[in-house]
Amino acid sequence: MARKTDDASRTSALQQLKADLKTGQLKTCYVLYGEEGYLRECYVKMLVKKLTDGPAGDFNYHRFTADTLTPEALAEAVEAMPMMAERTLVQIDDVDLFKQPEAARELYRTILSDIPDYCCVALVYDTVEFKINGQMKKLAETLRSKAQLVEFAKRSERELSDWIARQLRKHDKLISPKLCEYLIFVTDGMMSTLGGEIEKIAAYAGGQEIQKSDIDAVVIPALSAQTFDISNAIADGDYARALQKTQELLAMQESCIGILGAVGAQIRRLCYAKTIAACGKGQQTLMELAKLQSYAASRTMAAANKLSAQFCRKAVELCLTADEQMKSSYDEPERILELLIMQLSAEARRG
């Protein structure tokens, strides 16, 4: 229930921002944050265009970073009257107000609590995580009451599928819902990544209907997708294929600890899938528990059906041991990783 409430709140905040941009009745303060950077950047650009698209746009646009922001500079920018426009825009990039010194934090809070109607302040978070620190009650309450908090969370599979189809239609290309799911799976499912891959696919595809072969030809799979191939090979007891996939990742200069983390995460998902199946549940439960999209969940359930519960328990132990060895410089990371793959494949064959 809590998650559904959070999703509804995020949707409501984004819909309100859309309405504000459409009507021009913008609030005095917005906090724009979240992992979906492509979407967040689109709305930042719309906000900038809406407020600075005039003959004195540069004059009415004030932008700060952690290196340039001070309470005095912010106060001056907020109080500056607009020229040949109704509003000014003050954009603050990647500044965690909760981590500022106490005196400066209180000054920022005072400024944000009384922004004039002719000014709009946008706090934008990209490389810095935005999170309200409830222990700093005054600043937390000021942001909650004075700012519109808009989170750009990762889009759902349905939203991404619809968006992928729309983007390809701009290139006079068509794609099936199943292939949309596959494309989301082989990428990281972020719009910023998908946007570039869609351009490549559209340029490569010879026909109007996108084929799986078009995607496979030009899309470099994300690490999470490639570790699915490793786990599937392990589930099949195919040590040679699992090792080959691992060595391909190493040749691509993926870090050993990163590969191990991705393999370990997928092993845990296999354990979840095995337990879920034993309880009479299916793919939907796995999607909710492990936060997987449908294609990934389907492949995980299929792989788990080939494995025993005993293997799953042992596999988790082996991954934990390898993680400890790698982080303690027990041995060469590549050797530890390859040994893990061999041990997992051997366990899978034993059942």
Protein backbone atom coordinates (compact mmCIF):
# COMPACT_ATOMS: atom_id res chain seq x y z
CA MET A 1 0.00 0.00 0.00
CA ALA A 2 2.82 2.40 0.87
CA ARG A 3 4.49 1.86 -2.49
CA LYS A 4 1.22 2.52 -4.37
CA THR A 5 0.78 5.70 -2.35
CA ASP A 6 4.31 6.82 -3.21
CA ASP A 7 3.74 6.11 -6.89
CA ALA A 8 0.51 8.10 -6.81
CA SER A 9 2.24 11.03 -5.09
CA ARG A 10 5.04 11.05 -7.67
CA THR A 11 2.54 10.96 -10.53
CA SER A 12 0.49 13.75 -8.95
CA ALA A 13 3.55 15.98 -8.50
CA LEU A 14 4.66 15.45 -12.10
CA GLN A 15 1.16 16.07 -13.43
CA GLN A 16 1.04 19.29 -11.43
CA LEU A 17 4.35 20.43 -12.94
CA LYS A 18 2.99 19.67 -16.41
CA ALA A 19 -0.10 21.74 -15.66
CA ASP A 20 2.00 24.61 -14.26
CA LEU A 21 4.13 24.70 -17.42
CA LYS A 22 1.05 24.59 -19.64
CA THR A 23 -0.78 27.41 -17.86
CA GLY A 24 2.29 29.42 -16.99
CA GLN A 25 1.14 29.59 -13.37
CA LEU A 26 4.44 28.42 -11.96
CA LYS A 27 5.13 28.06 -8.27
CA THR A 28 7.94 29.93 -6.56
CA CYS A 29 10.00 26.83 -5.80
CA TYR A 30 10.51 23.38 -7.30
CA VAL A 31 12.78 20.51 -6.28
CA LEU A 32 13.47 18.30 -9.30
CA TYR A 33 15.18 14.99 -8.53
CA GLY A 34 15.16 11.25 -9.21
CA GLU A 35 17.08 8.61 -11.13
CA GLU A 36 15.36 9.14 -14.49
CA GLY A 37 17.75 11.85 -15.64
CA TYR A 38 16.46 12.05 -19.22
CA LEU A 39 12.96 12.98 -18.13
CA ARG A 40 14.19 15.33 -15.42
CA GLU A 41 16.41 17.17 -17.89
CA CYS A 42 13.51 17.53 -20.34
CA TYR A 43 11.42 19.28 -17.70
CA VAL A 44 14.32 21.48 -16.59
CA LYS A 45 14.70 22.62 -20.20
CA MET A 46 10.98 23.33 -20.45
CA LEU A 47 11.12 25.33 -17.24
CA VAL A 48 14.10 27.35 -18.45
CA LYS A 49 12.45 28.00 -21.82
CA LYS A 50 9.17 29.04 -20.21
CA LEU A 51 10.79 31.61 -17.94
CA THR A 52 13.72 32.88 -19.99
CA ASP A 53 12.42 32.79 -23.57
CA GLY A 54 12.46 36.54 -24.01
CA PRO A 55 14.70 39.43 -25.09
CA ALA A 56 16.26 39.64 -21.61
CA GLY A 57 16.37 35.91 -20.96
CA ASP A 58 20.01 35.80 -19.89
CA PHE A 59 19.46 38.68 -17.48
CA ASN A 60 16.54 36.88 -15.83
CA TYR A 61 18.32 33.52 -15.50
CA HIS A 62 20.60 32.92 -12.51
CA ARG A 63 22.33 29.56 -12.16
CA PHE A 64 24.42 28.26 -9.26
CA THR A 65 26.45 25.17 -8.41
CA ALA A 66 27.99 24.04 -5.13
CA ASP A 67 31.10 26.06 -6.04
CA THR A 68 29.27 29.33 -6.72
CA LEU A 69 26.32 29.29 -4.33
CA THR A 70 26.41 31.37 -1.16
CA PRO A 71 23.51 32.69 0.92
CA GLU A 72 24.40 36.23 -0.16
CA ALA A 73 24.48 35.32 -3.87
CA LEU A 74 21.18 33.46 -3.61
CA ALA A 75 19.49 36.34 -1.79
CA GLU A 76 20.68 38.79 -4.44
CA ALA A 77 19.45 36.57 -7.29
CA VAL A 78 16.06 35.93 -5.68
CA GLU A 79 15.48 39.60 -5.01
CA ALA A 80 16.56 40.77 -8.49
CA MET A 81 13.59 42.20 -10.37
CA PRO A 82 12.83 40.69 -13.81
CA MET A 83 13.61 42.70 -16.93
CA MET A 84 11.05 42.69 -19.76
CA ALA A 85 9.45 39.58 -18.27
CA GLU A 86 7.10 38.57 -15.48
CA ARG A 87 9.43 36.14 -13.72
CA THR A 88 13.06 35.35 -13.07
CA LEU A 89 14.50 31.85 -12.73
CA VAL A 90 17.11 30.81 -10.18
CA GLN A 91 18.49 27.32 -10.85
CA ILE A 92 20.59 25.58 -8.19
CA ASP A 93 22.38 22.42 -9.34
CA ASP A 94 23.41 19.59 -7.02
CA VAL A 95 23.55 21.46 -3.71
CA ASP A 96 22.54 19.45 -0.64
CA LEU A 97 21.14 22.13 1.64
CA PHE A 98 20.98 19.70 4.55
CA LYS A 99 24.77 19.31 4.48
CA GLN A 100 25.52 23.03 4.65
CA PRO A 101 26.98 24.59 7.82
CA GLU A 102 24.28 25.45 10.33
CA ALA A 103 24.50 29.24 9.87
CA ALA A 104 24.38 28.99 6.07
CA ARG A 105 21.60 26.40 6.23
CA GLU A 106 19.43 28.75 8.27
CA LEU A 107 20.05 31.59 5.82
CA TYR A 108 19.06 29.39 2.88
CA ARG A 109 15.94 28.30 4.75
CA THR A 110 14.97 31.92 5.39
CA ILE A 111 15.43 32.84 1.72
CA LEU A 112 13.42 29.85 0.46
CA SER A 113 10.60 30.49 2.91
CA ASP A 114 9.90 33.93 1.43
CA ILE A 115 10.53 33.83 -2.32
CA PRO A 116 8.85 36.77 -4.09
CA ASP A 117 6.13 36.02 -6.64
CA TYR A 118 8.26 37.31 -9.51
CA CYS A 119 10.91 34.62 -8.91
CA CYS A 120 10.99 30.87 -9.38
CA VAL A 121 13.72 28.83 -7.69
CA ALA A 122 14.50 25.36 -9.09
CA LEU A 123 16.72 23.04 -7.08
CA VAL A 124 17.91 20.37 -9.53
CA TYR A 125 19.59 17.14 -8.37
CA ASP A 126 21.58 14.99 -10.78
CA THR A 127 24.83 13.66 -9.31
CA VAL A 128 23.81 14.51 -5.74
CA GLU A 129 20.98 12.55 -4.13
CA PHE A 130 18.08 14.57 -2.77
CA LYS A 131 16.70 13.36 0.50
CA ILE A 132 14.91 15.33 3.20
CA ASN A 133 16.65 15.04 6.56
CA GLY A 134 13.80 14.97 9.05
CA GLN A 135 16.17 15.74 11.93
CA MET A 136 16.65 19.24 10.54
CA LYS A 137 13.01 20.07 11.13
CA LYS A 138 12.94 23.73 10.12
CA LEU A 139 14.55 23.24 6.72
CA ALA A 140 12.61 20.03 6.12
CA GLU A 141 9.31 21.76 6.85
CA THR A 142 10.23 24.75 4.66
CA LEU A 143 10.90 22.50 1.67
CA ARG A 144 7.76 20.46 2.23
CA SER A 145 5.53 23.51 2.57
CA LYS A 146 7.13 26.00 0.17
CA ALA A 147 8.47 23.78 -2.63
CA GLN A 148 6.83 21.44 -5.11
CA LEU A 149 8.83 18.20 -4.79
CA VAL A 150 8.90 16.42 -8.16
CA GLU A 151 10.57 13.01 -8.31
CA PHE A 152 11.48 11.59 -11.70
CA ALA A 153 11.50 7.91 -10.84
CA LYS A 154 12.36 5.13 -13.23
CA ARG A 155 9.46 4.60 -15.62
CA SER A 156 7.32 1.48 -15.51
CA GLU A 157 7.68 -1.15 -18.21
CA ARG A 158 4.38 -0.11 -19.77
CA GLU A 159 5.36 3.57 -19.83
CA LEU A 160 8.74 2.74 -21.35
CA SER A 161 7.18 0.44 -23.97
CA ASP A 162 4.74 3.15 -25.04
CA TRP A 163 7.57 5.70 -25.19
CA ILE A 164 9.84 3.39 -27.22
CA ALA A 165 7.04 2.80 -29.72
CA ARG A 166 6.38 6.55 -30.02
CA GLN A 167 10.07 7.32 -30.58
CA LEU A 168 10.37 4.67 -33.29
CA ARG A 169 7.21 5.90 -35.02
CA LYS A 170 9.02 9.22 -35.51
CA HIS A 171 11.45 7.24 -37.68
CA ASP A 172 8.56 5.47 -39.46
CA LYS A 173 9.41 2.25 -37.61
CA LEU A 174 7.17 -0.20 -35.75
CA ILE A 175 8.03 -2.45 -32.81
CA SER A 176 6.03 -5.14 -31.02
CA PRO A 177 5.30 -4.97 -27.27
CA LYS A 178 7.42 -8.12 -26.75
CA LEU A 179 10.43 -6.55 -28.43
CA CYS A 180 9.93 -3.41 -26.34
CA GLU A 181 10.21 -5.62 -23.26
CA TYR A 182 13.35 -7.21 -24.69
CA LEU A 183 14.94 -3.82 -25.45
CA ILE A 184 14.22 -2.65 -21.91
CA PHE A 185 15.83 -5.85 -20.61
CA VAL A 186 19.06 -5.59 -22.61
CA THR A 187 19.53 -1.94 -21.63
CA ASP A 188 19.36 -0.56 -18.11
CA GLY A 189 15.76 0.53 -18.66
CA MET A 190 16.65 4.22 -18.36
CA MET A 191 15.30 6.65 -20.94
CA SER A 192 18.70 8.33 -21.29
CA THR A 193 20.18 5.00 -22.44
CA LEU A 194 17.18 3.94 -24.48
CA GLY A 195 17.09 7.20 -26.42
CA GLY A 196 20.51 6.60 -27.96
CA GLU A 197 19.82 2.93 -28.61
CA ILE A 198 16.52 3.73 -30.36
CA GLU A 199 18.35 6.06 -32.73
CA LYS A 200 20.87 3.32 -33.56
CA ILE A 201 18.18 0.69 -34.08
CA ALA A 202 16.12 2.97 -36.33
CA ALA A 203 19.18 3.81 -38.45
CA TYR A 204 20.23 0.14 -38.75
CA ALA A 205 16.88 -1.59 -39.37
CA GLY A 206 16.21 -2.23 -43.04
CA GLY A 207 12.49 -2.84 -42.77
CA GLN A 208 9.69 -0.91 -41.15
CA GLU A 209 9.08 -3.62 -38.53
CA ILE A 210 11.91 -3.83 -35.97
CA GLN A 211 13.30 -7.36 -35.53
CA LYS A 212 15.16 -8.86 -32.58
CA SER A 213 18.18 -9.22 -34.84
CA ASP A 214 18.19 -5.43 -35.34
CA ILE A 215 18.41 -4.91 -31.58
CA ASP A 216 21.09 -7.56 -31.10
CA ALA A 217 23.17 -6.11 -33.93
CA VAL A 218 23.59 -2.60 -32.51
CA VAL A 219 22.74 -2.62 -28.79
CA ILE A 220 25.52 -3.37 -26.32
CA PRO A 221 23.78 -5.20 -23.46
CA ALA A 222 23.98 -3.74 -19.98
CA LEU A 223 25.96 -5.63 -17.35
CA SER A 224 22.75 -6.84 -15.71
CA ALA A 225 21.59 -8.37 -18.99
CA GLN A 226 24.91 -10.04 -19.67
CA THR A 227 24.98 -11.67 -16.24
CA PHE A 228 21.65 -13.29 -17.16
CA ASP A 229 23.56 -15.16 -19.88
CA ILE A 230 26.10 -16.29 -17.28
CA SER A 231 23.43 -17.49 -14.86
CA ASN A 232 21.53 -19.27 -17.66
CA ALA A 233 24.71 -21.07 -18.67
CA ILE A 234 25.27 -22.04 -15.03
CA ALA A 235 21.70 -23.31 -14.79
CA ASP A 236 22.41 -25.46 -17.85
CA GLY A 237 25.63 -26.74 -16.28
CA ASP A 238 27.55 -25.24 -19.21
CA TYR A 239 30.80 -24.13 -17.56
CA ALA A 240 32.50 -23.28 -20.87
CA ARG A 241 29.77 -20.86 -21.95
CA ALA A 242 29.53 -19.26 -18.50
CA LEU A 243 33.29 -18.76 -18.38
CA GLN A 244 33.35 -17.39 -21.93
CA LYS A 245 30.69 -14.78 -21.06
CA THR A 246 32.65 -13.84 -17.94
CA GLN A 247 35.86 -13.43 -19.92
CA GLU A 248 34.04 -11.29 -22.49
CA LEU A 249 32.99 -8.92 -19.72
CA LEU A 250 36.55 -8.77 -18.41
CA ALA A 251 37.78 -8.01 -21.94
CA MET A 252 35.31 -5.11 -22.01
CA GLN A 253 37.11 -3.81 -18.88
CA GLU A 254 34.16 -4.37 -16.57
CA SER A 255 35.45 -4.48 -13.00
CA CYS A 256 35.66 -7.86 -11.29
CA ILE A 257 33.79 -6.57 -8.26
CA GLY A 258 31.07 -5.21 -10.54
CA ILE A 259 30.69 -8.53 -12.37
CA LEU A 260 30.66 -10.41 -9.08
CA GLY A 261 28.01 -8.07 -7.69
CA ALA A 262 25.81 -8.55 -10.75
CA VAL A 263 26.24 -12.34 -10.69
CA GLY A 264 25.50 -12.43 -6.97
CA ALA A 265 22.38 -10.32 -7.43
CA GLN A 266 21.08 -12.68 -10.09
CA ILE A 267 21.85 -15.72 -7.92
CA ARG A 268 19.73 -14.16 -5.17
CA ARG A 269 16.91 -13.60 -7.65
CA LEU A 270 17.10 -17.27 -8.62
CA CYS A 271 16.71 -18.12 -4.93
CA TYR A 272 13.69 -15.84 -4.68
CA ALA A 273 12.19 -17.47 -7.78
CA LYS A 274 12.75 -20.96 -6.39
CA THR A 275 11.10 -20.07 -3.08
CA ILE A 276 8.21 -18.29 -4.83
CA ALA A 277 7.58 -21.34 -7.04
CA ALA A 278 7.64 -23.61 -4.00
CA CYS A 279 4.92 -21.45 -2.44
CA GLY A 280 2.74 -21.80 -5.50
CA LYS A 281 3.34 -18.27 -6.72
CA GLY A 282 4.60 -17.14 -10.12
CA GLN A 283 6.26 -14.48 -12.22
CA GLN A 284 4.19 -11.54 -10.99
CA THR A 285 5.25 -12.16 -7.40
CA LEU A 286 8.90 -12.24 -8.46
CA MET A 287 8.47 -8.97 -10.36
CA GLU A 288 7.09 -7.30 -7.26
CA LEU A 289 9.62 -8.80 -4.85
CA ALA A 290 12.78 -8.34 -6.94
CA LYS A 291 11.58 -5.25 -8.86
CA LEU A 292 12.15 -7.00 -12.18
CA GLN A 293 10.57 -6.24 -15.53
CA SER A 294 8.55 -9.00 -17.18
CA TYR A 295 11.23 -10.28 -19.59
CA ALA A 296 13.86 -10.56 -16.85
CA ALA A 297 11.38 -12.17 -14.46
CA SER A 298 10.33 -14.72 -17.07
CA ARG A 299 13.94 -15.72 -17.77
CA THR A 300 14.72 -15.93 -14.07
CA MET A 301 11.75 -18.18 -13.34
CA ALA A 302 12.71 -20.43 -16.26
CA ALA A 303 16.30 -20.72 -15.04
CA ALA A 304 15.19 -21.37 -11.44
CA ASN A 305 13.05 -24.29 -12.60
CA LYS A 306 16.26 -26.05 -13.70
CA LEU A 307 17.94 -25.62 -10.32
CA SER A 308 17.49 -27.21 -6.92
CA ALA A 309 16.90 -25.35 -3.67
CA GLN A 310 20.13 -26.89 -2.41
CA PHE A 311 22.06 -25.32 -5.30
CA CYS A 312 20.53 -21.92 -4.61
CA ARG A 313 21.60 -21.98 -0.97
CA LYS A 314 25.12 -23.15 -1.85
CA ALA A 315 25.41 -20.59 -4.68
CA VAL A 316 24.67 -17.71 -2.31
CA GLU A 317 27.37 -18.98 0.07
CA LEU A 318 29.90 -19.24 -2.77
CA CYS A 319 29.15 -15.68 -3.93
CA LEU A 320 29.56 -14.33 -0.40
CA THR A 321 32.88 -16.15 -0.02
CA ALA A 322 34.14 -14.80 -3.34
CA ASP A 323 33.07 -11.29 -2.35
CA GLU A 324 34.99 -11.55 0.92
CA GLN A 325 38.08 -12.90 -0.84
CA MET A 326 38.01 -10.24 -3.52
CA LYS A 327 37.63 -7.36 -1.06
CA SER A 328 40.39 -8.67 1.20
CA SER A 329 42.88 -9.06 -1.69
CA TYR A 330 43.00 -12.76 -0.96
CA ASP A 331 43.92 -13.54 -4.56
CA GLU A 332 43.84 -12.10 -8.08
CA PRO A 333 40.27 -10.82 -8.68
CA GLU A 334 40.06 -12.43 -12.14
CA ARG A 335 41.05 -15.81 -10.72
CA ILE A 336 38.53 -15.55 -7.88
CA LEU A 337 35.78 -14.69 -10.36
CA GLU A 338 36.64 -17.51 -12.75
CA LEU A 339 36.89 -19.99 -9.87
CA LEU A 340 33.43 -18.90 -8.68
CA ILE A 341 31.94 -19.52 -12.12
CA MET A 342 33.52 -22.98 -12.20
CA GLN A 343 32.23 -23.79 -8.69
CA LEU A 344 28.72 -22.60 -9.52
CA SER A 345 28.64 -24.66 -12.71
CA ALA A 346 29.87 -27.73 -10.84
CA GLU A 347 27.18 -27.27 -8.17
CA ALA A 348 24.51 -26.88 -10.84
CA ARG A 349 25.56 -30.14 -12.49
CA ARG A 350 25.43 -31.92 -9.13
CA GLY A 351 21.94 -30.56 -8.60
